[in-house]
Structures are given as structure tokens and as C-alpha cells.
Amino acid sequence: MLHHKANLNGYLAYQTGQSLEKINQDTDRDFFMSAKEAKDYGLIDGVIMNPLKALQPLAAA
């Protein structure tokens, strides 16, 4: 189990740009954040404000 946690934390550190130490600290317990905090942390790219618009097909390039 600890092996999987170490792998996941390493992946999160790489993808978010956060230090491994910060990821280890933040994933040790429940850690809740707002959408803005998640974006600033590097977990998400953005928040979909209009889900119907997000489901529309992309225009041909």
C-alpha cells in the first residue's frame, strides 16, 4: 500500500509542479480545496461553468 501511495504522490508532484514533500503532507489527511485553489495547485485546468456548451462538438479546423 505504501508503494502505491509513493507512486501516486510522485505522479502528483510531477503533474502539479508541487514539491514531493508538499504532496506527501497534503495527502496524509483529508485536504479540501475550492475550484480556484485546485487550479492554483495544478490539479485542474479549469472549471466548466456551462456544461451544455462544454458538450458541443468542436468546430472543424
PDB file of N, CA and C in Angstrom:
ATOM      1  N   MET A   1       0.815  -1.192   0.000  1.00  0.00           N
ATOM      2  CA  MET A   1       0.000   0.000   0.000  1.00  0.00           C
ATOM      3  C   MET A   1       0.863   1.262   0.000  1.00  0.00           C
ATOM      4  N   LEU A   2       1.918   1.271   0.798  1.00  0.00           N
ATOM      5  CA  LEU A   2       2.802   2.436   0.844  1.00  0.00           C
ATOM      6  C   LEU A   2       3.499   2.655  -0.492  1.00  0.00           C
ATOM      7  N   HIS A   3       3.775   1.563  -1.198  1.00  0.00           N
ATOM      8  CA  HIS A   3       4.394   1.664  -2.523  1.00  0.00           C
ATOM      9  C   HIS A   3       3.471   2.414  -3.482  1.00  0.00           C
ATOM     10  N   HIS A   4       2.182   2.095  -3.449  1.00  0.00           N
ATOM     11  CA  HIS A   4       1.218   2.750  -4.335  1.00  0.00           C
ATOM     12  C   HIS A   4       1.062   4.228  -3.974  1.00  0.00           C
ATOM     13  N   LYS A   5       1.062   4.530  -2.679  1.00  0.00           N
ATOM     14  CA  LYS A   5       0.963   5.926  -2.249  1.00  0.00           C
ATOM     15  C   LYS A   5       2.180   6.712  -2.723  1.00  0.00           C
ATOM     16  N   ALA A   6       3.356   6.122  -2.615  1.00  0.00           N
ATOM     17  CA  ALA A   6       4.576   6.795  -3.064  1.00  0.00           C
ATOM     18  C   ALA A   6       4.536   7.042  -4.570  1.00  0.00           C
ATOM     19  N   ASN A   7       4.060   6.052  -5.330  1.00  0.00           N
ATOM     20  CA  ASN A   7       3.944   6.224  -6.781  1.00  0.00           C
ATOM     21  C   ASN A   7       2.956   7.330  -7.125  1.00  0.00           C
ATOM     22  N   LEU A   8       1.795   7.314  -6.489  1.00  0.00           N
ATOM     23  CA  LEU A   8       0.774   8.324  -6.757  1.00  0.00           C
ATOM     24  C   LEU A   8       1.270   9.716  -6.372  1.00  0.00           C
ATOM     25  N   ASN A   9       1.910   9.837  -5.224  1.00  0.00           N
ATOM     26  CA  ASN A   9       2.415  11.137  -4.795  1.00  0.00           C
ATOM     27  C   ASN A   9       3.504  11.648  -5.732  1.00  0.00           C
ATOM     28  N   GLY A  10       4.339  10.757  -6.225  1.00  0.00           N
ATOM     29  CA  GLY A  10       5.349  11.153  -7.197  1.00  0.00           C
ATOM     30  C   GLY A  10       4.721  11.658  -8.484  1.00  0.00           C
ATOM     31  N   TYR A  11       3.693  10.967  -8.934  1.00  0.00           N
ATOM     32  CA  TYR A  11       2.967  11.383 -10.136  1.00  0.00           C
ATOM     33  C   TYR A  11       2.306  12.745  -9.915  1.00  0.00           C
ATOM     34  N   LEU A  12       1.648  12.929  -8.763  1.00  0.00           N
ATOM     35  CA  LEU A  12       1.003  14.206  -8.466  1.00  0.00           C
ATOM     36  C   LEU A  12       2.026  15.343  -8.398  1.00  0.00           C
ATOM     37  N   ALA A  13       3.167  15.093  -7.796  1.00  0.00           N
ATOM     38  CA  ALA A  13       4.208  16.118  -7.718  1.00  0.00           C
ATOM     39  C   ALA A  13       4.677  16.505  -9.115  1.00  0.00           C
ATOM     40  N   TYR A  14       4.880  15.519  -9.965  1.00  0.00           N
ATOM     41  CA  TYR A  14       5.326  15.785 -11.335  1.00  0.00           C
ATOM     42  C   TYR A  14       4.280  16.573 -12.115  1.00  0.00           C
ATOM     43  N   GLN A  15       3.024  16.154 -12.030  1.00  0.00           N
ATOM     44  CA  GLN A  15       1.964  16.773 -12.825  1.00  0.00           C
ATOM     45  C   GLN A  15       1.559  18.157 -12.312  1.00  0.00           C
ATOM     46  N   THR A  16       1.623  18.377 -11.011  1.00  0.00           N
ATOM     47  CA  THR A  16       1.170  19.653 -10.456  1.00  0.00           C
ATOM     48  C   THR A  16       2.289  20.677 -10.318  1.00  0.00           C
ATOM     49  N   GLY A  17       3.534  20.219 -10.302  1.00  0.00           N
ATOM     50  CA  GLY A  17       4.647  21.136 -10.078  1.00  0.00           C
ATOM     51  C   GLY A  17       4.896  21.414  -8.604  1.00  0.00           C
ATOM     52  N   GLN A  18       4.144  20.761  -7.735  1.00  0.00           N
ATOM     53  CA  GLN A  18       4.350  20.906  -6.292  1.00  0.00           C
ATOM     54  C   GLN A  18       5.521  20.016  -5.868  1.00  0.00           C
ATOM     55  N   SER A  19       6.147  20.368  -4.752  1.00  0.00           N
ATOM     56  CA  SER A  19       7.236  19.531  -4.252  1.00  0.00           C
ATOM     57  C   SER A  19       6.662  18.220  -3.713  1.00  0.00           C
ATOM     58  N   LEU A  20       7.476  17.181  -3.744  1.00  0.00           N
ATOM     59  CA  LEU A  20       7.043  15.887  -3.220  1.00  0.00           C
ATOM     60  C   LEU A  20       6.721  16.001  -1.731  1.00  0.00           C
ATOM     61  N   GLU A  21       7.486  16.805  -1.008  1.00  0.00           N
ATOM     62  CA  GLU A  21       7.231  16.987   0.418  1.00  0.00           C
ATOM     63  C   GLU A  21       5.847  17.602   0.648  1.00  0.00           C
ATOM     64  N   LYS A  22       5.485  18.600  -0.168  1.00  0.00           N
ATOM     65  CA  LYS A  22       4.171  19.236  -0.029  1.00  0.00           C
ATOM     66  C   LYS A  22       3.064  18.251  -0.373  1.00  0.00           C
ATOM     67  N   ILE A  23       3.246  17.462  -1.436  1.00  0.00           N
ATOM     68  CA  ILE A  23       2.247  16.456  -1.813  1.00  0.00           C
ATOM     69  C   ILE A  23       2.093  15.437  -0.692  1.00  0.00           C
ATOM     70  N   ASN A  24       3.208  14.960  -0.136  1.00  0.00           N
ATOM     71  CA  ASN A  24       3.142  13.995   0.969  1.00  0.00           C
ATOM     72  C   ASN A  24       2.365  14.566   2.151  1.00  0.00           C
ATOM     73  N   GLN A  25       2.625  15.823   2.483  1.00  0.00           N
ATOM     74  CA  GLN A  25       1.927  16.464   3.601  1.00  0.00           C
ATOM     75  C   GLN A  25       0.441  16.624   3.286  1.00  0.00           C
ATOM     76  N   ASP A  26       0.122  17.069   2.079  1.00  0.00           N
ATOM     77  CA  ASP A  26      -1.270  17.349   1.726  1.00  0.00           C
ATOM     78  C   ASP A  26      -2.104  16.085   1.544  1.00  0.00           C
ATOM     79  N   THR A  27      -1.487  14.970   1.201  1.00  0.00           N
ATOM     80  CA  THR A  27      -2.242  13.730   1.002  1.00  0.00           C
ATOM     81  C   THR A  27      -2.249  12.837   2.239  1.00  0.00           C
ATOM     82  N   ASP A  28      -1.595  13.282   3.298  1.00  0.00           N
ATOM     83  CA  ASP A  28      -1.563  12.481   4.519  1.00  0.00           C
ATOM     84  C   ASP A  28      -2.932  12.438   5.202  1.00  0.00           C
ATOM     85  N   ARG A  29      -3.704  13.503   5.057  1.00  0.00           N
ATOM     86  CA  ARG A  29      -5.043  13.606   5.647  1.00  0.00           C
ATOM     87  C   ARG A  29      -5.985  14.185   4.597  1.00  0.00           C
ATOM     88  N   ASP A  30      -7.284  14.216   4.913  1.00  0.00           N
ATOM     89  CA  ASP A  30      -8.238  14.864   4.015  1.00  0.00           C
ATOM     90  C   ASP A  30      -7.792  16.302   3.771  1.00  0.00           C
ATOM     91  N   PHE A  31      -7.866  16.722   2.520  1.00  0.00           N
ATOM     92  CA  PHE A  31      -7.425  18.068   2.149  1.00  0.00           C
ATOM     93  C   PHE A  31      -8.412  18.611   1.134  1.00  0.00           C
ATOM     94  N   PHE A  32      -9.302  19.474   1.590  1.00  0.00           N
ATOM     95  CA  PHE A  32     -10.347  20.023   0.732  1.00  0.00           C
ATOM     96  C   PHE A  32      -9.902  21.370   0.196  1.00  0.00           C
ATOM     97  N   MET A  33     -10.294  21.671  -1.048  1.00  0.00           N
ATOM     98  CA  MET A  33      -9.972  22.967  -1.635  1.00  0.00           C
ATOM     99  C   MET A  33     -11.073  23.392  -2.590  1.00  0.00           C
ATOM    100  N   SER A  34     -11.141  24.681  -2.814  1.00  0.00           N
ATOM    101  CA  SER A  34     -12.114  25.230  -3.758  1.00  0.00           C
ATOM    102  C   SER A  34     -11.610  24.985  -5.180  1.00  0.00           C
ATOM    103  N   ALA A  35     -12.460  25.286  -6.151  1.00  0.00           N
ATOM    104  CA  ALA A  35     -12.061  25.132  -7.549  1.00  0.00           C
ATOM    105  C   ALA A  35     -10.865  26.025  -7.858  1.00  0.00           C
ATOM    106  N   LYS A  36     -10.859  27.257  -7.363  1.00  0.00           N
ATOM    107  CA  LYS A  36      -9.735  28.165  -7.604  1.00  0.00           C
ATOM    108  C   LYS A  36      -8.463  27.624  -6.965  1.00  0.00           C
ATOM    109  N   GLU A  37      -8.578  27.112  -5.755  1.00  0.00           N
ATOM    110  CA  GLU A  37      -7.410  26.544  -5.079  1.00  0.00           C
ATOM    111  C   GLU A  37      -6.880  25.331  -5.840  1.00  0.00           C
ATOM    112  N   ALA A  38      -7.780  24.490  -6.361  1.00  0.00           N
ATOM    113  CA  ALA A  38      -7.355  23.321  -7.137  1.00  0.00           C
ATOM    114  C   ALA A  38      -6.642  23.747  -8.410  1.00  0.00           C
ATOM    115  N   LYS A  39      -7.123  24.815  -9.051  1.00  0.00           N
ATOM    116  CA  LYS A  39      -6.470  25.328 -10.264  1.00  0.00           C
ATOM    117  C   LYS A  39      -5.097  25.889  -9.920  1.00  0.00           C
ATOM    118  N   ASP A  40      -5.019  26.686  -8.862  1.00  0.00           N
ATOM    119  CA  ASP A  40      -3.742  27.255  -8.428  1.00  0.00           C
ATOM    120  C   ASP A  40      -2.754  26.163  -8.019  1.00  0.00           C
ATOM    121  N   TYR A  41      -3.245  25.082  -7.454  1.00  0.00           N
ATOM    122  CA  TYR A  41      -2.419  23.954  -7.006  1.00  0.00           C
ATOM    123  C   TYR A  41      -1.887  23.156  -8.194  1.00  0.00           C
ATOM    124  N   GLY A  42      -2.614  23.208  -9.316  1.00  0.00           N
ATOM    125  CA  GLY A  42      -2.209  22.473 -10.509  1.00  0.00           C
ATOM    126  C   GLY A  42      -2.969  21.185 -10.734  1.00  0.00           C
ATOM    127  N   LEU A  43      -4.019  20.939  -9.956  1.00  0.00           N
ATOM    128  CA  LEU A  43      -4.789  19.700 -10.101  1.00  0.00           C
ATOM    129  C   LEU A  43      -5.738  19.733 -11.286  1.00  0.00           C
ATOM    130  N   ILE A  44      -6.266  20.917 -11.615  1.00  0.00           N
ATOM    131  CA  ILE A  44      -7.235  21.035 -12.707  1.00  0.00           C
ATOM    132  C   ILE A  44      -6.793  22.142 -13.649  1.00  0.00           C
ATOM    133  N   ASP A  45      -7.287  22.085 -14.889  1.00  0.00           N
ATOM    134  CA  ASP A  45      -7.001  23.136 -15.867  1.00  0.00           C
ATOM    135  C   ASP A  45      -7.999  24.274 -15.768  1.00  0.00           C
ATOM    136  N   GLY A  46      -9.221  23.963 -15.396  1.00  0.00           N
ATOM    137  CA  GLY A  46     -10.257  24.977 -15.294  1.00  0.00           C
ATOM    138  C   GLY A  46     -11.554  24.364 -14.816  1.00  0.00           C
ATOM    139  N   VAL A  47     -12.565  25.217 -14.706  1.00  0.00           N
ATOM    140  CA  VAL A  47     -13.879  24.796 -14.239  1.00  0.00           C
ATOM    141  C   VAL A  47     -14.880  25.038 -15.358  1.00  0.00           C
ATOM    142  N   ILE A  48     -15.689  24.046 -15.659  1.00  0.00           N
ATOM    143  CA  ILE A  48     -16.725  24.178 -16.681  1.00  0.00           C
ATOM    144  C   ILE A  48     -17.906  24.897 -16.051  1.00  0.00           C
ATOM    145  N   MET A  49     -18.183  26.090 -16.544  1.00  0.00           N
ATOM    146  CA  MET A  49     -19.278  26.881 -15.995  1.00  0.00           C
ATOM    147  C   MET A  49     -20.606  26.563 -16.679  1.00  0.00           C
ATOM    148  N   ASN A  50     -20.558  26.171 -17.952  1.00  0.00           N
ATOM    149  CA  ASN A  50     -21.761  25.854 -18.712  1.00  0.00           C
ATOM    150  C   ASN A  50     -21.589  24.457 -19.297  1.00  0.00           C
ATOM    151  N   PRO A  51     -22.070  23.404 -18.611  1.00  0.00           N
ATOM    152  CA  PRO A  51     -21.835  22.038 -19.071  1.00  0.00           C
ATOM    153  C   PRO A  51     -22.421  21.750 -20.445  1.00  0.00           C
ATOM    154  N   LEU A  52     -23.534  22.369 -20.796  1.00  0.00           N
ATOM    155  CA  LEU A  52     -24.120  22.116 -22.116  1.00  0.00           C
ATOM    156  C   LEU A  52     -23.216  22.641 -23.224  1.00  0.00           C
ATOM    157  N   LYS A  53     -22.617  23.797 -23.013  1.00  0.00           N
ATOM    158  CA  LYS A  53     -21.694  24.357 -24.001  1.00  0.00           C
ATOM    159  C   LYS A  53     -20.440  23.484 -24.113  1.00  0.00           C
ATOM    160  N   ALA A  54     -19.982  22.948 -22.997  1.00  0.00           N
ATOM    161  CA  ALA A  54     -18.780  22.117 -22.992  1.00  0.00           C
ATOM    162  C   ALA A  54     -18.990  20.821 -23.762  1.00  0.00           C
ATOM    163  N   LEU A  55     -20.227  20.362 -23.889  1.00  0.00           N
ATOM    164  CA  LEU A  55     -20.515  19.110 -24.586  1.00  0.00           C
ATOM    165  C   LEU A  55     -20.704  19.292 -26.087  1.00  0.00           C
ATOM    166  N   GLN A  56     -20.690  20.534 -26.578  1.00  0.00           N
ATOM    167  CA  GLN A  56     -20.855  20.785 -28.002  1.00  0.00           C
ATOM    168  C   GLN A  56     -19.612  20.311 -28.751  1.00  0.00           C
ATOM    169  N   PRO A  57     -19.784  19.763 -29.970  1.00  0.00           N
ATOM    170  CA  PRO A  57     -18.618  19.326 -30.739  1.00  0.00           C
ATOM    171  C   PRO A  57     -17.753  20.524 -31.122  1.00  0.00           C
ATOM    172  N   LEU A  58     -16.456  20.282 -31.218  1.00  0.00           N
ATOM    173  CA  LEU A  58     -15.525  21.331 -31.624  1.00  0.00           C
ATOM    174  C   LEU A  58     -15.694  21.621 -33.107  1.00  0.00           C
ATOM    175  N   ALA A  59     -15.511  22.862 -33.490  1.00  0.00           N
ATOM    176  CA  ALA A  59     -15.603  23.240 -34.904  1.00  0.00           C
ATOM    177  C   ALA A  59     -14.406  22.667 -35.651  1.00  0.00           C
ATOM    178  N   ALA A  60     -14.622  22.299 -36.910  1.00  0.00           N
ATOM    179  CA  ALA A  60     -13.534  21.758 -37.736  1.00  0.00           C
ATOM    180  C   ALA A  60     -12.504  22.853 -37.984  1.00  0.00           C
ATOM    181  N   ALA A  61     -11.247  22.491 -37.909  1.00  0.00           N
ATOM    182  CA  ALA A  61     -10.170  23.475 -38.084  1.00  0.00           C
ATOM    183  C   ALA A  61      -9.888  23.756 -39.530  1.00  0.00           C
TER     184      ALA A  61
END
